[in-house]
């Protein structure tokens, strides 16, 4: 599979912009509560929402290709397994968040870790000094991915989102300290 618009590639996945002709897959992922609960809590109700969101994502990438959401496309099938993202954290001071959400049929196969590793490298190559991940306290799957990516669990925070969240961090340099501290220690 050759993708001219790919931002990163691994042995198993290609990261590239979502395409409108993939709206059915995008909708199928976002209509599921087991996905939506971690990214806003409201499942998509209509395929039109998927098309509109893909259009908005494409527009953001056109304005600033450093940040946005990309499809995680499995090389073996050509089917998007889900999304990875780099985006400024809300109400932050320029901190950048990495995230992922995959279709349930892609869970448990290491694709989020593989795509996340590629996206971290992409972000650091673009000059980011540090990258954050923020997960729900009970999102054990995402916390495991963060740890597999080499991100450090710093503690918990209310800094960027209303709910208390786990705060993970990764720096561009090995001995570099995080620029921010958590609100509290990690939960037991």
C-alpha atoms as a PDB file:
ATOM      1  CA  UNK A   1       0.000   0.000   0.000  1.00  0.00           C
ATOM      2  CA  UNK A   2       1.501   3.338  -1.062  1.00  0.00           C
ATOM      3  CA  UNK A   3      -0.089   6.429   0.456  1.00  0.00           C
ATOM      4  CA  UNK A   4       1.157   9.748  -0.917  1.00  0.00           C
ATOM      5  CA  UNK A   5      -0.545  11.685   1.880  1.00  0.00           C
ATOM      6  CA  UNK A   6       0.843   9.543   4.712  1.00  0.00           C
ATOM      7  CA  UNK A   7       2.444  11.367   7.642  1.00  0.00           C
ATOM      8  CA  UNK A   8       3.919   8.177   9.121  1.00  0.00           C
ATOM      9  CA  UNK A   9       4.169   4.485   8.300  1.00  0.00           C
ATOM     10  CA  UNK A  10       5.020   1.352  10.255  1.00  0.00           C
ATOM     11  CA  UNK A  11       5.129  -2.313   9.343  1.00  0.00           C
ATOM     12  CA  UNK A  12       1.393  -2.692   9.960  1.00  0.00           C
ATOM     13  CA  UNK A  13      -0.198   0.760   9.685  1.00  0.00           C
ATOM     14  CA  UNK A  14      -0.198   3.954   7.667  1.00  0.00           C
ATOM     15  CA  UNK A  15      -1.241   7.267   9.256  1.00  0.00           C
ATOM     16  CA  UNK A  16      -2.961   9.554   6.769  1.00  0.00           C
ATOM     17  CA  UNK A  17      -5.945  11.914   6.580  1.00  0.00           C
ATOM     18  CA  UNK A  18      -9.431  10.445   6.723  1.00  0.00           C
ATOM     19  CA  UNK A  19     -11.305  10.417   3.404  1.00  0.00           C
ATOM     20  CA  UNK A  20     -14.980  11.172   2.931  1.00  0.00           C
ATOM     21  CA  UNK A  21     -15.440   7.831   1.161  1.00  0.00           C
ATOM     22  CA  UNK A  22     -14.532   6.221   4.527  1.00  0.00           C
ATOM     23  CA  UNK A  23     -17.457   7.889   6.306  1.00  0.00           C
ATOM     24  CA  UNK A  24     -19.257   4.568   6.833  1.00  0.00           C
ATOM     25  CA  UNK A  25     -16.299   3.147   8.788  1.00  0.00           C
ATOM     26  CA  UNK A  26     -15.806   6.438  10.659  1.00  0.00           C
ATOM     27  CA  UNK A  27     -19.496   6.503  11.578  1.00  0.00           C
ATOM     28  CA  UNK A  28     -19.490   2.838  12.617  1.00  0.00           C
ATOM     29  CA  UNK A  29     -16.665   3.592  15.054  1.00  0.00           C
ATOM     30  CA  UNK A  30     -18.176   6.808  16.456  1.00  0.00           C
ATOM     31  CA  UNK A  31     -21.717   5.449  16.802  1.00  0.00           C
ATOM     32  CA  UNK A  32     -20.585   2.928  19.416  1.00  0.00           C
ATOM     33  CA  UNK A  33     -20.920   3.839  23.079  1.00  0.00           C
ATOM     34  CA  UNK A  34     -17.823   1.807  23.963  1.00  0.00           C
ATOM     35  CA  UNK A  35     -15.827   4.318  21.843  1.00  0.00           C
ATOM     36  CA  UNK A  36     -17.857   7.472  22.481  1.00  0.00           C
ATOM     37  CA  UNK A  37     -17.678   7.162  26.268  1.00  0.00           C
ATOM     38  CA  UNK A  38     -13.961   7.990  26.158  1.00  0.00           C
ATOM     39  CA  UNK A  39     -14.153  10.880  23.668  1.00  0.00           C
ATOM     40  CA  UNK A  40     -17.114  12.943  24.701  1.00  0.00           C
ATOM     41  CA  UNK A  41     -19.810  10.534  25.749  1.00  0.00           C
ATOM     42  CA  UNK A  42     -22.273  10.999  22.891  1.00  0.00           C
ATOM     43  CA  UNK A  43     -22.306   8.441  20.096  1.00  0.00           C
ATOM     44  CA  UNK A  44     -22.905   9.722  16.586  1.00  0.00           C
ATOM     45  CA  UNK A  45     -26.500   9.275  15.537  1.00  0.00           C
ATOM     46  CA  UNK A  46     -26.222   9.733  11.773  1.00  0.00           C
ATOM     47  CA  UNK A  47     -23.709   9.142   8.984  1.00  0.00           C
ATOM     48  CA  UNK A  48     -24.054  12.829   8.040  1.00  0.00           C
ATOM     49  CA  UNK A  49     -22.261  13.682  11.303  1.00  0.00           C
ATOM     50  CA  UNK A  50     -19.351  11.506  10.190  1.00  0.00           C
ATOM     51  CA  UNK A  51     -19.075  13.274   6.842  1.00  0.00           C
ATOM     52  CA  UNK A  52     -19.231  16.672   8.545  1.00  0.00           C
ATOM     53  CA  UNK A  53     -16.557  15.727  11.081  1.00  0.00           C
ATOM     54  CA  UNK A  54     -14.252  14.345   8.384  1.00  0.00           C
ATOM     55  CA  UNK A  55     -14.689  17.639   6.499  1.00  0.00           C
ATOM     56  CA  UNK A  56     -13.830  19.653   9.653  1.00  0.00           C
ATOM     57  CA  UNK A  57     -10.785  17.462  10.336  1.00  0.00           C
ATOM     58  CA  UNK A  58      -9.614  17.944   6.740  1.00  0.00           C
ATOM     59  CA  UNK A  59     -10.040  21.698   7.054  1.00  0.00           C
ATOM     60  CA  UNK A  60      -7.988  21.823  10.259  1.00  0.00           C
ATOM     61  CA  UNK A  61      -5.197  19.789   8.667  1.00  0.00           C
ATOM     62  CA  UNK A  62      -5.197  22.133   5.660  1.00  0.00           C
ATOM     63  CA  UNK A  63      -4.781  25.146   7.981  1.00  0.00           C
ATOM     64  CA  UNK A  64      -2.070  23.561  10.165  1.00  0.00           C
ATOM     65  CA  UNK A  65      -0.773  20.132   9.143  1.00  0.00           C
ATOM     66  CA  UNK A  66       1.097  19.680  12.444  1.00  0.00           C
ATOM     67  CA  UNK A  67      -2.099  19.111  14.412  1.00  0.00           C
ATOM     68  CA  UNK A  68      -5.219  17.137  13.715  1.00  0.00           C
ATOM     69  CA  UNK A  69      -6.630  13.654  13.477  1.00  0.00           C
ATOM     70  CA  UNK A  70      -5.421  10.962  11.095  1.00  0.00           C
ATOM     71  CA  UNK A  71      -6.760   7.583  10.058  1.00  0.00           C
ATOM     72  CA  UNK A  72      -4.820   4.534  11.247  1.00  0.00           C
ATOM     73  CA  UNK A  73      -5.044   2.354   8.141  1.00  0.00           C
ATOM     74  CA  UNK A  74      -4.076  -1.306   8.371  1.00  0.00           C
ATOM     75  CA  UNK A  75      -1.694  -2.199   5.554  1.00  0.00           C
ATOM     76  CA  UNK A  76      -3.032  -5.759   5.303  1.00  0.00           C
ATOM     77  CA  UNK A  77      -6.613  -4.696   4.604  1.00  0.00           C
ATOM     78  CA  UNK A  78      -6.551  -1.008   3.631  1.00  0.00           C
ATOM     79  CA  UNK A  79      -9.304  -0.458   6.225  1.00  0.00           C
ATOM     80  CA  UNK A  80      -8.996   2.279   8.851  1.00  0.00           C
ATOM     81  CA  UNK A  81      -8.689   0.737  12.316  1.00  0.00           C
ATOM     82  CA  UNK A  82      -9.347   4.103  13.959  1.00  0.00           C
ATOM     83  CA  UNK A  83      -7.801   7.512  14.549  1.00  0.00           C
ATOM     84  CA  UNK A  84      -4.778   9.087  16.187  1.00  0.00           C
ATOM     85  CA  UNK A  85      -4.492  12.762  16.975  1.00  0.00           C
ATOM     86  CA  UNK A  86      -2.195  15.557  18.027  1.00  0.00           C
ATOM     87  CA  UNK A  87      -4.008  18.661  19.231  1.00  0.00           C
ATOM     88  CA  UNK A  88      -3.585  21.628  21.546  1.00  0.00           C
ATOM     89  CA  UNK A  89      -5.116  20.895  24.938  1.00  0.00           C
ATOM     90  CA  UNK A  90      -8.163  23.048  25.789  1.00  0.00           C
ATOM     91  CA  UNK A  91      -7.499  26.127  27.932  1.00  0.00           C
ATOM     92  CA  UNK A  92      -3.819  25.227  28.042  1.00  0.00           C
ATOM     93  CA  UNK A  93      -0.671  27.185  27.483  1.00  0.00           C
ATOM     94  CA  UNK A  94       0.244  25.510  24.212  1.00  0.00           C
ATOM     95  CA  UNK A  95       0.506  21.944  25.542  1.00  0.00           C
ATOM     96  CA  UNK A  96      -0.086  19.309  22.871  1.00  0.00           C
ATOM     97  CA  UNK A  97      -2.078  16.128  23.479  1.00  0.00           C
ATOM     98  CA  UNK A  98      -1.708  12.792  21.737  1.00  0.00           C
ATOM     99  CA  UNK A  99      -4.758  10.561  21.582  1.00  0.00           C
ATOM    100  CA  UNK A 100      -6.281   7.583  19.814  1.00  0.00           C
ATOM    101  CA  UNK A 101      -9.586   5.873  19.385  1.00  0.00           C
ATOM    102  CA  UNK A 102      -9.970   2.660  17.485  1.00  0.00           C
ATOM    103  CA  UNK A 103     -12.913   0.650  16.261  1.00  0.00           C
ATOM    104  CA  UNK A 104     -13.626  -2.187  18.735  1.00  0.00           C
ATOM    105  CA  UNK A 105     -12.753  -4.767  16.068  1.00  0.00           C
ATOM    106  CA  UNK A 106      -9.185  -3.375  16.161  1.00  0.00           C
ATOM    107  CA  UNK A 107      -8.758  -3.442  19.953  1.00  0.00           C
ATOM    108  CA  UNK A 108      -6.184  -5.649  21.616  1.00  0.00           C
ATOM    109  CA  UNK A 109      -3.834  -6.028  18.645  1.00  0.00           C
ATOM    110  CA  UNK A 110      -1.265  -3.333  19.494  1.00  0.00           C
ATOM    111  CA  UNK A 111      -2.379  -0.984  16.715  1.00  0.00           C
ATOM    112  CA  UNK A 112      -2.902   2.008  19.044  1.00  0.00           C
ATOM    113  CA  UNK A 113       0.606   1.544  20.440  1.00  0.00           C
ATOM    114  CA  UNK A 114       2.132   1.183  16.982  1.00  0.00           C
ATOM    115  CA  UNK A 115       0.281   4.223  15.627  1.00  0.00           C
ATOM    116  CA  UNK A 116       0.989   6.227  18.800  1.00  0.00           C
ATOM    117  CA  UNK A 117       4.712   5.480  18.578  1.00  0.00           C
ATOM    118  CA  UNK A 118       4.759   6.719  14.980  1.00  0.00           C
ATOM    119  CA  UNK A 119       2.768   9.833  15.877  1.00  0.00           C
ATOM    120  CA  UNK A 120       5.033  10.695  18.826  1.00  0.00           C
ATOM    121  CA  UNK A 121       8.037  10.485  16.481  1.00  0.00           C
ATOM    122  CA  UNK A 122       6.179  12.659  13.964  1.00  0.00           C
ATOM    123  CA  UNK A 123       5.383  15.275  16.615  1.00  0.00           C
ATOM    124  CA  UNK A 124       8.954  15.421  17.889  1.00  0.00           C
ATOM    125  CA  UNK A 125      10.269  15.618  14.309  1.00  0.00           C
ATOM    126  CA  UNK A 126       8.000  18.654  13.839  1.00  0.00           C
ATOM    127  CA  UNK A 127       9.778  20.305  16.760  1.00  0.00           C
ATOM    128  CA  UNK A 128       7.471  19.579  19.684  1.00  0.00           C
ATOM    129  CA  UNK A 129       9.396  19.599  22.957  1.00  0.00           C
ATOM    130  CA  UNK A 130       6.909  17.523  24.931  1.00  0.00           C
ATOM    131  CA  UNK A 131       3.635  15.683  24.356  1.00  0.00           C
ATOM    132  CA  UNK A 132       0.884  14.979  26.877  1.00  0.00           C
ATOM    133  CA  UNK A 133      -1.800  12.300  27.124  1.00  0.00           C
ATOM    134  CA  UNK A 134      -4.861  12.716  29.314  1.00  0.00           C
ATOM    135  CA  UNK A 135      -7.089   9.729  30.049  1.00  0.00           C
ATOM    136  CA  UNK A 136     -10.151   9.010  32.125  1.00  0.00           C
ATOM    137  CA  UNK A 137      -9.205   7.502  35.482  1.00  0.00           C
ATOM    138  CA  UNK A 138     -10.870   4.213  34.554  1.00  0.00           C
ATOM    139  CA  UNK A 139      -9.655   3.972  30.942  1.00  0.00           C
ATOM    140  CA  UNK A 140      -7.219   1.148  31.606  1.00  0.00           C
ATOM    141  CA  UNK A 141      -6.682   0.400  27.904  1.00  0.00           C
ATOM    142  CA  UNK A 142      -5.474   3.929  27.123  1.00  0.00           C
ATOM    143  CA  UNK A 143      -3.341   4.058  30.268  1.00  0.00           C
ATOM    144  CA  UNK A 144      -1.628   0.838  29.112  1.00  0.00           C
ATOM    145  CA  UNK A 145      -1.000   2.345  25.675  1.00  0.00           C
ATOM    146  CA  UNK A 146       0.536   5.445  27.296  1.00  0.00           C
ATOM    147  CA  UNK A 147       2.898   3.274  29.321  1.00  0.00           C
ATOM    148  CA  UNK A 148       3.827   1.175  26.263  1.00  0.00           C
ATOM    149  CA  UNK A 149       4.624   4.425  24.428  1.00  0.00           C
ATOM    150  CA  UNK A 150       7.105   5.272  27.175  1.00  0.00           C
ATOM    151  CA  UNK A 151       4.978   8.092  28.557  1.00  0.00           C
ATOM    152  CA  UNK A 152       5.347   8.774  32.279  1.00  0.00           C
ATOM    153  CA  UNK A 153       2.301   8.831  34.526  1.00  0.00           C
ATOM    154  CA  UNK A 154       2.810  12.047  36.477  1.00  0.00           C
ATOM    155  CA  UNK A 155      -0.417  12.003  38.481  1.00  0.00           C
ATOM    156  CA  UNK A 156      -3.940  13.347  38.177  1.00  0.00           C
ATOM    157  CA  UNK A 157      -5.163  16.711  36.959  1.00  0.00           C
ATOM    158  CA  UNK A 158      -8.207  18.923  36.356  1.00  0.00           C
ATOM    159  CA  UNK A 159      -6.017  21.238  34.270  1.00  0.00           C
ATOM    160  CA  UNK A 160      -7.512  20.705  30.805  1.00  0.00           C
ATOM    161  CA  UNK A 161     -10.805  18.860  31.253  1.00  0.00           C
ATOM    162  CA  UNK A 162     -13.629  19.072  33.807  1.00  0.00           C
ATOM    163  CA  UNK A 163     -13.243  15.533  35.093  1.00  0.00           C
ATOM    164  CA  UNK A 164     -10.209  14.420  37.046  1.00  0.00           C
ATOM    165  CA  UNK A 165      -7.859  12.731  34.551  1.00  0.00           C
ATOM    166  CA  UNK A 166      -4.642  10.766  34.512  1.00  0.00           C
ATOM    167  CA  UNK A 167      -1.778  12.955  33.265  1.00  0.00           C
ATOM    168  CA  UNK A 168       0.882  11.260  31.113  1.00  0.00           C
ATOM    169  CA  UNK A 169       3.926  12.953  29.619  1.00  0.00           C
ATOM    170  CA  UNK A 170       6.769  12.325  27.175  1.00  0.00           C
ATOM    171  CA  UNK A 171       9.663  14.670  26.399  1.00  0.00           C
ATOM    172  CA  UNK A 172      11.733  15.008  23.267  1.00  0.00           C
ATOM    173  CA  UNK A 173      14.978  14.563  25.237  1.00  0.00           C
ATOM    174  CA  UNK A 174      15.718  11.635  27.602  1.00  0.00           C
ATOM    175  CA  UNK A 175      16.675  13.651  30.720  1.00  0.00           C
ATOM    176  CA  UNK A 176      14.191  16.453  30.173  1.00  0.00           C
ATOM    177  CA  UNK A 177      11.742  17.243  33.008  1.00  0.00           C
ATOM    178  CA  UNK A 178       8.037  17.946  32.362  1.00  0.00           C
ATOM    179  CA  UNK A 179       7.103  21.629  32.140  1.00  0.00           C
ATOM    180  CA  UNK A 180       4.010  21.118  34.330  1.00  0.00           C
ATOM    181  CA  UNK A 181       3.210  19.247  37.504  1.00  0.00           C
ATOM    182  CA  UNK A 182       0.043  17.261  38.190  1.00  0.00           C
ATOM    183  CA  UNK A 183      -2.596  18.422  40.686  1.00  0.00           C
ATOM    184  CA  UNK A 184      -2.049  15.279  42.707  1.00  0.00           C
ATOM    185  CA  UNK A 185      -0.299  11.918  42.815  1.00  0.00           C
ATOM    186  CA  UNK A 186      -1.375   8.950  40.693  1.00  0.00           C
ATOM    187  CA  UNK A 187      -4.238   6.923  42.169  1.00  0.00           C
ATOM    188  CA  UNK A 188      -3.336   3.752  44.046  1.00  0.00           C
END
